[in-house]
Amino acid sequence: MTQTSIPEKAVSYTPGPWDVQVRQPIDGDAFFDIYQTDGHGNESAVACIGADAETAANACLIAAAPDLLAALKEAVKYTHTTQWLHTACDAAIARAEGR
């Protein structure tokens, strides 16, 4: 799979936290809905994926993405003494931000 860089101005994502819910339509297959709520009961769709054991794990990972990115940005501040870890953190942050 080829990763495409996204221009930095275009990098914007739905702020967290994100949650996962299984949806079962009356006349269709179940799917996982990853969504964000604004605290007033309004939901914004982030992603929808099929429902099986592997995609359940993927849905949880996707929903954790904003929290993981925030934690990584905080952790990278303390990794300067371990260059390989600092480099890995910077690379992961850049990938998450589309750089």
PDB file of N, CA and C in Angstrom:
ATOM      1  N   MET A   1       0.847  -1.172   0.000  1.00  0.00           N
ATOM      2  CA  MET A   1       0.000   0.000   0.000  1.00  0.00           C
ATOM      3  C   MET A   1       0.894   1.237   0.000  1.00  0.00           C
ATOM      4  N   THR A   2       0.587   2.186  -0.857  1.00  0.00           N
ATOM      5  CA  THR A   2       1.343   3.420  -0.950  1.00  0.00           C
ATOM      6  C   THR A   2       0.664   4.481  -0.118  1.00  0.00           C
ATOM      7  N   GLN A   3       1.455   5.172   0.689  1.00  0.00           N
ATOM      8  CA  GLN A   3       0.904   6.255   1.492  1.00  0.00           C
ATOM      9  C   GLN A   3       1.124   7.556   0.752  1.00  0.00           C
ATOM     10  N   THR A   4       0.093   8.378   0.684  1.00  0.00           N
ATOM     11  CA  THR A   4       0.175   9.663   0.021  1.00  0.00           C
ATOM     12  C   THR A   4       0.232  10.751   1.071  1.00  0.00           C
ATOM     13  N   SER A   5       1.154  11.684   0.912  1.00  0.00           N
ATOM     14  CA  SER A   5       1.229  12.811   1.835  1.00  0.00           C
ATOM     15  C   SER A   5       0.077  13.756   1.554  1.00  0.00           C
ATOM     16  N   ILE A   6      -0.475  14.274   2.607  1.00  0.00           N
ATOM     17  CA  ILE A   6      -1.568  15.234   2.509  1.00  0.00           C
ATOM     18  C   ILE A   6      -0.980  16.600   2.819  1.00  0.00           C
ATOM     19  N   PRO A   7      -1.282  17.625   2.013  1.00  0.00           N
ATOM     20  CA  PRO A   7      -0.757  18.957   2.328  1.00  0.00           C
ATOM     21  C   PRO A   7      -1.147  19.346   3.755  1.00  0.00           C
ATOM     22  N   GLU A   8      -0.196  19.942   4.498  1.00  0.00           N
ATOM     23  CA  GLU A   8      -0.422  20.218   5.914  1.00  0.00           C
ATOM     24  C   GLU A   8      -1.658  21.078   6.149  1.00  0.00           C
ATOM     25  N   LYS A   9      -1.955  22.018   5.269  1.00  0.00           N
ATOM     26  CA  LYS A   9      -3.144  22.854   5.426  1.00  0.00           C
ATOM     27  C   LYS A   9      -4.414  22.007   5.436  1.00  0.00           C
ATOM     28  N   ALA A  10      -4.382  20.877   4.721  1.00  0.00           N
ATOM     29  CA  ALA A  10      -5.568  20.033   4.604  1.00  0.00           C
ATOM     30  C   ALA A  10      -5.751  19.094   5.780  1.00  0.00           C
ATOM     31  N   VAL A  11      -4.736  18.991   6.664  1.00  0.00           N
ATOM     32  CA  VAL A  11      -4.821  18.046   7.773  1.00  0.00           C
ATOM     33  C   VAL A  11      -5.786  18.574   8.819  1.00  0.00           C
ATOM     34  N   SER A  12      -6.869  17.884   8.942  1.00  0.00           N
ATOM     35  CA  SER A  12      -7.880  18.222   9.929  1.00  0.00           C
ATOM     36  C   SER A  12      -8.693  16.964  10.149  1.00  0.00           C
ATOM     37  N   TYR A  13      -8.979  16.664  11.381  1.00  0.00           N
ATOM     38  CA  TYR A  13      -9.788  15.488  11.657  1.00  0.00           C
ATOM     39  C   TYR A  13     -10.813  15.823  12.719  1.00  0.00           C
ATOM     40  N   THR A  14     -11.813  14.996  12.806  1.00  0.00           N
ATOM     41  CA  THR A  14     -12.848  15.173  13.809  1.00  0.00           C
ATOM     42  C   THR A  14     -12.218  14.997  15.180  1.00  0.00           C
ATOM     43  N   PRO A  15     -12.348  15.989  16.060  1.00  0.00           N
ATOM     44  CA  PRO A  15     -11.715  15.866  17.374  1.00  0.00           C
ATOM     45  C   PRO A  15     -12.314  14.723  18.181  1.00  0.00           C
ATOM     46  N   GLY A  16     -11.489  14.140  19.047  1.00  0.00           N
ATOM     47  CA  GLY A  16     -11.946  13.052  19.911  1.00  0.00           C
ATOM     48  C   GLY A  16     -12.718  13.596  21.082  1.00  0.00           C
ATOM     49  N   PRO A  17     -13.196  12.747  21.931  1.00  0.00           N
ATOM     50  CA  PRO A  17     -13.043  11.293  21.843  1.00  0.00           C
ATOM     51  C   PRO A  17     -13.991  10.692  20.810  1.00  0.00           C
ATOM     52  N   TRP A  18     -13.580   9.542  20.289  1.00  0.00           N
ATOM     53  CA  TRP A  18     -14.393   8.776  19.360  1.00  0.00           C
ATOM     54  C   TRP A  18     -14.879   7.528  20.073  1.00  0.00           C
ATOM     55  N   ASP A  19     -16.043   7.054  19.692  1.00  0.00           N
ATOM     56  CA  ASP A  19     -16.619   5.846  20.274  1.00  0.00           C
ATOM     57  C   ASP A  19     -16.998   4.869  19.164  1.00  0.00           C
ATOM     58  N   VAL A  20     -17.234   3.636  19.552  1.00  0.00           N
ATOM     59  CA  VAL A  20     -17.618   2.580  18.610  1.00  0.00           C
ATOM     60  C   VAL A  20     -18.948   1.998  19.052  1.00  0.00           C
ATOM     61  N   GLN A  21     -19.813   1.762  18.086  1.00  0.00           N
ATOM     62  CA  GLN A  21     -21.094   1.127  18.374  1.00  0.00           C
ATOM     63  C   GLN A  21     -21.428   0.165  17.241  1.00  0.00           C
ATOM     64  N   VAL A  22     -21.960  -0.993  17.593  1.00  0.00           N
ATOM     65  CA  VAL A  22     -22.421  -1.928  16.576  1.00  0.00           C
ATOM     66  C   VAL A  22     -23.820  -1.490  16.148  1.00  0.00           C
ATOM     67  N   ARG A  23     -24.008  -1.374  14.860  1.00  0.00           N
ATOM     68  CA  ARG A  23     -25.331  -1.007  14.306  1.00  0.00           C
ATOM     69  C   ARG A  23     -25.859  -2.212  13.540  1.00  0.00           C
ATOM     70  N   GLN A  24     -27.115  -2.509  13.721  1.00  0.00           N
ATOM     71  CA  GLN A  24     -27.743  -3.634  13.032  1.00  0.00           C
ATOM     72  C   GLN A  24     -28.966  -3.110  12.295  1.00  0.00           C
ATOM     73  N   PRO A  25     -28.817  -2.844  10.991  1.00  0.00           N
ATOM     74  CA  PRO A  25     -29.979  -2.413  10.215  1.00  0.00           C
ATOM     75  C   PRO A  25     -31.030  -3.532  10.163  1.00  0.00           C
ATOM     76  N   ILE A  26     -32.250  -3.180   9.973  1.00  0.00           N
ATOM     77  CA  ILE A  26     -33.335  -4.160   9.915  1.00  0.00           C
ATOM     78  C   ILE A  26     -33.130  -5.134   8.766  1.00  0.00           C
ATOM     79  N   ASP A  27     -32.673  -4.650   7.630  1.00  0.00           N
ATOM     80  CA  ASP A  27     -32.557  -5.509   6.455  1.00  0.00           C
ATOM     81  C   ASP A  27     -31.137  -5.565   5.897  1.00  0.00           C
ATOM     82  N   GLY A  28     -30.151  -5.651   6.781  1.00  0.00           N
ATOM     83  CA  GLY A  28     -28.775  -5.706   6.286  1.00  0.00           C
ATOM     84  C   GLY A  28     -27.827  -6.289   7.307  1.00  0.00           C
ATOM     85  N   ASP A  29     -26.570  -6.333   6.939  1.00  0.00           N
ATOM     86  CA  ASP A  29     -25.539  -6.854   7.812  1.00  0.00           C
ATOM     87  C   ASP A  29     -25.138  -5.810   8.849  1.00  0.00           C
ATOM     88  N   ALA A  30     -24.734  -6.281  10.009  1.00  0.00           N
ATOM     89  CA  ALA A  30     -24.266  -5.394  11.065  1.00  0.00           C
ATOM     90  C   ALA A  30     -22.960  -4.726  10.640  1.00  0.00           C
ATOM     91  N   PHE A  31     -22.693  -3.561  11.216  1.00  0.00           N
ATOM     92  CA  PHE A  31     -21.437  -2.852  10.962  1.00  0.00           C
ATOM     93  C   PHE A  31     -21.058  -2.069  12.210  1.00  0.00           C
ATOM     94  N   PHE A  32     -19.794  -1.680  12.267  1.00  0.00           N
ATOM     95  CA  PHE A  32     -19.317  -0.846  13.363  1.00  0.00           C
ATOM     96  C   PHE A  32     -19.338   0.603  12.915  1.00  0.00           C
ATOM     97  N   ASP A  33     -19.933   1.446  13.721  1.00  0.00           N
ATOM     98  CA  ASP A  33     -20.004   2.872  13.462  1.00  0.00           C
ATOM     99  C   ASP A  33     -19.046   3.553  14.439  1.00  0.00           C
ATOM    100  N   ILE A  34     -18.049   4.235  13.930  1.00  0.00           N
ATOM    101  CA  ILE A  34     -17.121   4.993  14.761  1.00  0.00           C
ATOM    102  C   ILE A  34     -17.589   6.438  14.668  1.00  0.00           C
ATOM    103  N   TYR A  35     -17.840   7.036  15.813  1.00  0.00           N
ATOM    104  CA  TYR A  35     -18.447   8.361  15.814  1.00  0.00           C
ATOM    105  C   TYR A  35     -17.914   9.224  16.953  1.00  0.00           C
ATOM    106  N   GLN A  36     -18.158  10.517  16.833  1.00  0.00           N
ATOM    107  CA  GLN A  36     -17.792  11.493  17.844  1.00  0.00           C
ATOM    108  C   GLN A  36     -19.079  12.170  18.293  1.00  0.00           C
ATOM    109  N   THR A  37     -19.222  12.391  19.591  1.00  0.00           N
ATOM    110  CA  THR A  37     -20.366  13.146  20.082  1.00  0.00           C
ATOM    111  C   THR A  37     -19.875  14.488  20.606  1.00  0.00           C
ATOM    112  N   ASP A  38     -20.719  15.499  20.491  1.00  0.00           N
ATOM    113  CA  ASP A  38     -20.302  16.848  20.870  1.00  0.00           C
ATOM    114  C   ASP A  38     -20.662  17.210  22.313  1.00  0.00           C
ATOM    115  N   GLY A  39     -21.154  16.264  23.097  1.00  0.00           N
ATOM    116  CA  GLY A  39     -21.539  16.547  24.469  1.00  0.00           C
ATOM    117  C   GLY A  39     -22.992  16.987  24.594  1.00  0.00           C
ATOM    118  N   HIS A  40     -23.659  17.184  23.470  1.00  0.00           N
ATOM    119  CA  HIS A  40     -25.064  17.575  23.460  1.00  0.00           C
ATOM    120  C   HIS A  40     -25.933  16.510  22.808  1.00  0.00           C
ATOM    121  N   GLY A  41     -25.370  15.324  22.657  1.00  0.00           N
ATOM    122  CA  GLY A  41     -26.110  14.217  22.056  1.00  0.00           C
ATOM    123  C   GLY A  41     -26.031  14.149  20.549  1.00  0.00           C
ATOM    124  N   ASN A  42     -25.333  15.093  19.922  1.00  0.00           N
ATOM    125  CA  ASN A  42     -25.181  15.081  18.472  1.00  0.00           C
ATOM    126  C   ASN A  42     -23.977  14.229  18.105  1.00  0.00           C
ATOM    127  N   GLU A  43     -24.156  13.356  17.118  1.00  0.00           N
ATOM    128  CA  GLU A  43     -23.093  12.468  16.678  1.00  0.00           C
ATOM    129  C   GLU A  43     -22.593  12.868  15.299  1.00  0.00           C
ATOM    130  N   SER A  44     -21.281  12.747  15.102  1.00  0.00           N
ATOM    131  CA  SER A  44     -20.667  12.955  13.790  1.00  0.00           C
ATOM    132  C   SER A  44     -19.986  11.658  13.409  1.00  0.00           C
ATOM    133  N   ALA A  45     -20.326  11.132  12.241  1.00  0.00           N
ATOM    134  CA  ALA A  45     -19.714   9.887  11.778  1.00  0.00           C
ATOM    135  C   ALA A  45     -18.246  10.112  11.458  1.00  0.00           C
ATOM    136  N   VAL A  46     -17.400   9.195  11.900  1.00  0.00           N
ATOM    137  CA  VAL A  46     -15.984   9.221  11.586  1.00  0.00           C
ATOM    138  C   VAL A  46     -15.693   8.140  10.549  1.00  0.00           C
ATOM    139  N   ALA A  47     -16.222   6.921  10.769  1.00  0.00           N
ATOM    140  CA  ALA A  47     -16.020   5.816   9.838  1.00  0.00           C
ATOM    141  C   ALA A  47     -17.059   4.734  10.115  1.00  0.00           C
ATOM    142  N   CYS A  48     -17.323   3.940   9.116  1.00  0.00           N
ATOM    143  CA  CYS A  48     -18.191   2.764   9.248  1.00  0.00           C
ATOM    144  C   CYS A  48     -17.447   1.602   8.604  1.00  0.00           C
ATOM    145  N   ILE A  49     -17.365   0.491   9.329  1.00  0.00           N
ATOM    146  CA  ILE A  49     -16.693  -0.688   8.788  1.00  0.00           C
ATOM    147  C   ILE A  49     -17.509  -1.925   9.107  1.00  0.00           C
ATOM    148  N   GLY A  50     -17.269  -2.990   8.363  1.00  0.00           N
ATOM    149  CA  GLY A  50     -17.983  -4.250   8.549  1.00  0.00           C
ATOM    150  C   GLY A  50     -17.842  -4.797   9.956  1.00  0.00           C
ATOM    151  N   ALA A  51     -18.675  -5.762  10.287  1.00  0.00           N
ATOM    152  CA  ALA A  51     -18.687  -6.298  11.650  1.00  0.00           C
ATOM    153  C   ALA A  51     -18.270  -7.760  11.679  1.00  0.00           C
ATOM    154  N   ASP A  52     -17.018  -8.016  12.033  1.00  0.00           N
ATOM    155  CA  ASP A  52     -16.539  -9.355  12.355  1.00  0.00           C
ATOM    156  C   ASP A  52     -15.450  -9.180  13.408  1.00  0.00           C
ATOM    157  N   ALA A  53     -14.841 -10.247  13.854  1.00  0.00           N
ATOM    158  CA  ALA A  53     -13.880 -10.169  14.952  1.00  0.00           C
ATOM    159  C   ALA A  53     -12.697  -9.256  14.624  1.00  0.00           C
ATOM    160  N   GLU A  54     -12.158  -9.368  13.419  1.00  0.00           N
ATOM    161  CA  GLU A  54     -11.004  -8.543  13.065  1.00  0.00           C
ATOM    162  C   GLU A  54     -11.387  -7.075  12.946  1.00  0.00           C
ATOM    163  N   THR A  55     -12.508  -6.786  12.313  1.00  0.00           N
ATOM    164  CA  THR A  55     -12.895  -5.386  12.181  1.00  0.00           C
ATOM    165  C   THR A  55     -13.347  -4.803  13.513  1.00  0.00           C
ATOM    166  N   ALA A  56     -13.769  -5.632  14.449  1.00  0.00           N
ATOM    167  CA  ALA A  56     -14.079  -5.128  15.792  1.00  0.00           C
ATOM    168  C   ALA A  56     -12.811  -4.565  16.425  1.00  0.00           C
ATOM    169  N   ALA A  57     -11.716  -5.296  16.297  1.00  0.00           N
ATOM    170  CA  ALA A  57     -10.440  -4.808  16.825  1.00  0.00           C
ATOM    171  C   ALA A  57      -9.997  -3.552  16.078  1.00  0.00           C
ATOM    172  N   ASN A  58     -10.178  -3.540  14.765  1.00  0.00           N
ATOM    173  CA  ASN A  58      -9.818  -2.363  13.976  1.00  0.00           C
ATOM    174  C   ASN A  58     -10.651  -1.152  14.377  1.00  0.00           C
ATOM    175  N   ALA A  59     -11.936  -1.364  14.616  1.00  0.00           N
ATOM    176  CA  ALA A  59     -12.818  -0.268  15.017  1.00  0.00           C
ATOM    177  C   ALA A  59     -12.363   0.337  16.341  1.00  0.00           C
ATOM    178  N   CYS A  60     -11.965  -0.497  17.288  1.00  0.00           N
ATOM    179  CA  CYS A  60     -11.474   0.000  18.579  1.00  0.00           C
ATOM    180  C   CYS A  60     -10.184   0.791  18.398  1.00  0.00           C
ATOM    181  N   LEU A  61      -9.299   0.309  17.532  1.00  0.00           N
ATOM    182  CA  LEU A  61      -8.047   1.009  17.267  1.00  0.00           C
ATOM    183  C   LEU A  61      -8.314   2.361  16.601  1.00  0.00           C
ATOM    184  N   ILE A  62      -9.207   2.376  15.639  1.00  0.00           N
ATOM    185  CA  ILE A  62      -9.562   3.632  14.968  1.00  0.00           C
ATOM    186  C   ILE A  62     -10.139   4.619  15.979  1.00  0.00           C
ATOM    187  N   ALA A  63     -11.036   4.146  16.831  1.00  0.00           N
ATOM    188  CA  ALA A  63     -11.670   5.023  17.817  1.00  0.00           C
ATOM    189  C   ALA A  63     -10.656   5.587  18.811  1.00  0.00           C
ATOM    190  N   ALA A  64      -9.578   4.853  19.071  1.00  0.00           N
ATOM    191  CA  ALA A  64      -8.548   5.309  20.009  1.00  0.00           C
ATOM    192  C   ALA A  64      -7.569   6.292  19.366  1.00  0.00           C
ATOM    193  N   ALA A  65      -7.610   6.467  18.056  1.00  0.00           N
ATOM    194  CA  ALA A  65      -6.610   7.263  17.343  1.00  0.00           C
ATOM    195  C   ALA A  65      -6.412   8.671  17.909  1.00  0.00           C
ATOM    196  N   PRO A  66      -7.443   9.458  18.166  1.00  0.00           N
ATOM    197  CA  PRO A  66      -7.189  10.804  18.706  1.00  0.00           C
ATOM    198  C   PRO A  66      -6.483  10.771  20.061  1.00  0.00           C
ATOM    199  N   ASP A  67      -6.854   9.830  20.917  1.00  0.00           N
ATOM    200  CA  ASP A  67      -6.206   9.710  22.229  1.00  0.00           C
ATOM    201  C   ASP A  67      -4.756   9.258  22.087  1.00  0.00           C
ATOM    202  N   LEU A  68      -4.524   8.306  21.183  1.00  0.00           N
ATOM    203  CA  LEU A  68      -3.161   7.824  20.955  1.00  0.00           C
ATOM    204  C   LEU A  68      -2.265   8.942  20.412  1.00  0.00           C
ATOM    205  N   LEU A  69      -2.780   9.729  19.485  1.00  0.00           N
ATOM    206  CA  LEU A  69      -1.997  10.818  18.917  1.00  0.00           C
ATOM    207  C   LEU A  69      -1.675  11.857  19.995  1.00  0.00           C
ATOM    208  N   ALA A  70      -2.638  12.213  20.816  1.00  0.00           N
ATOM    209  CA  ALA A  70      -2.401  13.192  21.885  1.00  0.00           C
ATOM    210  C   ALA A  70      -1.362  12.671  22.883  1.00  0.00           C
ATOM    211  N   ALA A  71      -1.470  11.395  23.245  1.00  0.00           N
ATOM    212  CA  ALA A  71      -0.510  10.811  24.187  1.00  0.00           C
ATOM    213  C   ALA A  71       0.890  10.765  23.577  1.00  0.00           C
ATOM    214  N   LEU A  72       0.976  10.423  22.295  1.00  0.00           N
ATOM    215  CA  LEU A  72       2.266  10.350  21.625  1.00  0.00           C
ATOM    216  C   LEU A  72       2.914  11.728  21.535  1.00  0.00           C
ATOM    217  N   LYS A  73       2.123  12.750  21.243  1.00  0.00           N
ATOM    218  CA  LYS A  73       2.656  14.113  21.191  1.00  0.00           C
ATOM    219  C   LYS A  73       3.200  14.540  22.550  1.00  0.00           C
ATOM    220  N   GLU A  74       2.562  14.117  23.597  1.00  0.00           N
ATOM    221  CA  GLU A  74       3.046  14.427  24.952  1.00  0.00           C
ATOM    222  C   GLU A  74       4.303  13.613  25.260  1.00  0.00           C
ATOM    223  N   ALA A  75       4.292  12.335  24.929  1.00  0.00           N
ATOM    224  CA  ALA A  75       5.425  11.448  25.231  1.00  0.00           C
ATOM    225  C   ALA A  75       6.692  11.862  24.496  1.00  0.00           C
ATOM    226  N   VAL A  76       6.558  12.356  23.274  1.00  0.00           N
ATOM    227  CA  VAL A  76       7.737  12.695  22.477  1.00  0.00           C
ATOM    228  C   VAL A  76       8.547  13.803  23.146  1.00  0.00           C
ATOM    229  N   LYS A  77       7.930  14.572  24.006  1.00  0.00           N
ATOM    230  CA  LYS A  77       8.645  15.627  24.729  1.00  0.00           C
ATOM    231  C   LYS A  77       9.710  15.047  25.659  1.00  0.00           C
ATOM    232  N   TYR A  78       9.582  13.780  26.031  1.00  0.00           N
ATOM    233  CA  TYR A  78      10.465  13.154  27.006  1.00  0.00           C
ATOM    234  C   TYR A  78      11.366  12.077  26.397  1.00  0.00           C
ATOM    235  N   THR A  79      11.449  12.021  25.073  1.00  0.00           N
ATOM    236  CA  THR A  79      12.204  10.944  24.430  1.00  0.00           C
ATOM    237  C   THR A  79      13.542  11.390  23.861  1.00  0.00           C
ATOM    238  N   HIS A  80      13.981  12.596  24.152  1.00  0.00           N
ATOM    239  CA  HIS A  80      15.209  13.111  23.538  1.00  0.00           C
ATOM    240  C   HIS A  80      16.450  12.314  23.923  1.00  0.00           C
ATOM    241  N   THR A  81      16.439  11.647  25.063  1.00  0.00           N
ATOM    242  CA  THR A  81      17.613  10.861  25.460  1.00  0.00           C
ATOM    243  C   THR A  81      17.651   9.498  24.782  1.00  0.00           C
ATOM    244  N   THR A  82      16.559   9.105  24.182  1.00  0.00           N
ATOM    245  CA  THR A  82      16.502   7.833  23.462  1.00  0.00           C
ATOM    246  C   THR A  82      16.166   8.155  22.010  1.00  0.00           C
ATOM    247  N   GLN A  83      17.204   8.368  21.210  1.00  0.00           N
ATOM    248  CA  GLN A  83      17.028   8.874  19.847  1.00  0.00           C
ATOM    249  C   GLN A  83      16.131   7.983  18.995  1.00  0.00           C
ATOM    250  N   TRP A  84      16.277   6.661  19.064  1.00  0.00           N
ATOM    251  CA  TRP A  84      15.461   5.790  18.217  1.00  0.00           C
ATOM    252  C   TRP A  84      13.979   5.933  18.568  1.00  0.00           C
ATOM    253  N   LEU A  85      13.677   6.091  19.865  1.00  0.00           N
ATOM    254  CA  LEU A  85      12.284   6.245  20.277  1.00  0.00           C
ATOM    255  C   LEU A  85      11.734   7.590  19.831  1.00  0.00           C
ATOM    256  N   HIS A  86      12.546   8.619  19.968  1.00  0.00           N
ATOM    257  CA  HIS A  86      12.124   9.952  19.529  1.00  0.00           C
ATOM    258  C   HIS A  86      11.843   9.952  18.025  1.00  0.00           C
ATOM    259  N   THR A  87      12.714   9.323  17.267  1.00  0.00           N
ATOM    260  CA  THR A  87      12.543   9.235  15.814  1.00  0.00           C
ATOM    261  C   THR A  87      11.272   8.458  15.465  1.00  0.00           C
ATOM    262  N   ALA A  88      11.034   7.355  16.157  1.00  0.00           N
ATOM    263  CA  ALA A  88       9.829   6.551  15.913  1.00  0.00           C
ATOM    264  C   ALA A  88       8.564   7.333  16.246  1.00  0.00           C
ATOM    265  N   CYS A  89       8.593   8.062  17.346  1.00  0.00           N
ATOM    266  CA  CYS A  89       7.433   8.875  17.743  1.00  0.00           C
ATOM    267  C   CYS A  89       7.174   9.964  16.710  1.00  0.00           C
ATOM    268  N   ASP A  90       8.225  10.670  16.301  1.00  0.00           N
ATOM    269  CA  ASP A  90       8.065  11.718  15.292  1.00  0.00           C
ATOM    270  C   ASP A  90       7.498  11.160  13.991  1.00  0.00           C
ATOM    271  N   ALA A  91       7.967   9.988  13.584  1.00  0.00           N
ATOM    272  CA  ALA A  91       7.481   9.372  12.348  1.00  0.00           C
ATOM    273  C   ALA A  91       6.005   8.997  12.460  1.00  0.00           C
ATOM    274  N   ALA A  92       5.602   8.467  13.612  1.00  0.00           N
ATOM    275  CA  ALA A  92       4.197   8.092  13.813  1.00  0.00           C
ATOM    276  C   ALA A  92       3.299   9.320  13.827  1.00  0.00           C
ATOM    277  N   ILE A  93       3.748  10.382  14.467  1.00  0.00           N
ATOM    278  CA  ILE A  93       2.971  11.630  14.494  1.00  0.00           C
ATOM    279  C   ILE A  93       2.833  12.191  13.087  1.00  0.00           C
ATOM    280  N   ALA A  94       3.926  12.203  12.346  1.00  0.00           N
ATOM    281  CA  ALA A  94       3.883  12.714  10.969  1.00  0.00           C
ATOM    282  C   ALA A  94       2.912  11.904  10.114  1.00  0.00           C
ATOM    283  N   ARG A  95       2.935  10.590  10.266  1.00  0.00           N
ATOM    284  CA  ARG A  95       2.018   9.741   9.493  1.00  0.00           C
ATOM    285  C   ARG A  95       0.568  10.028   9.870  1.00  0.00           C
ATOM    286  N   ALA A  96       0.303  10.179  11.167  1.00  0.00           N
ATOM    287  CA  ALA A  96      -1.061  10.460  11.621  1.00  0.00           C
ATOM    288  C   ALA A  96      -1.550  11.812  11.125  1.00  0.00           C
ATOM    289  N   GLU A  97      -0.614  12.735  10.955  1.00  0.00           N
ATOM    290  CA  GLU A  97      -0.980  14.081  10.482  1.00  0.00           C
ATOM    291  C   GLU A  97      -0.896  14.210   8.966  1.00  0.00           C
ATOM    292  N   GLY A  98      -0.605  13.101   8.285  1.00  0.00           N
ATOM    293  CA  GLY A  98      -0.588  13.107   6.833  1.00  0.00           C
ATOM    294  C   GLY A  98       0.655  13.743   6.229  1.00  0.00           C
ATOM    295  N   ARG A  99       1.746  13.794   6.996  1.00  0.00           N
ATOM    296  CA  ARG A  99       2.988  14.382   6.462  1.00  0.00           C
ATOM    297  C   ARG A  99       3.928  13.294   6.022  1.00  0.00           C
TER     298      ARG A  99
END
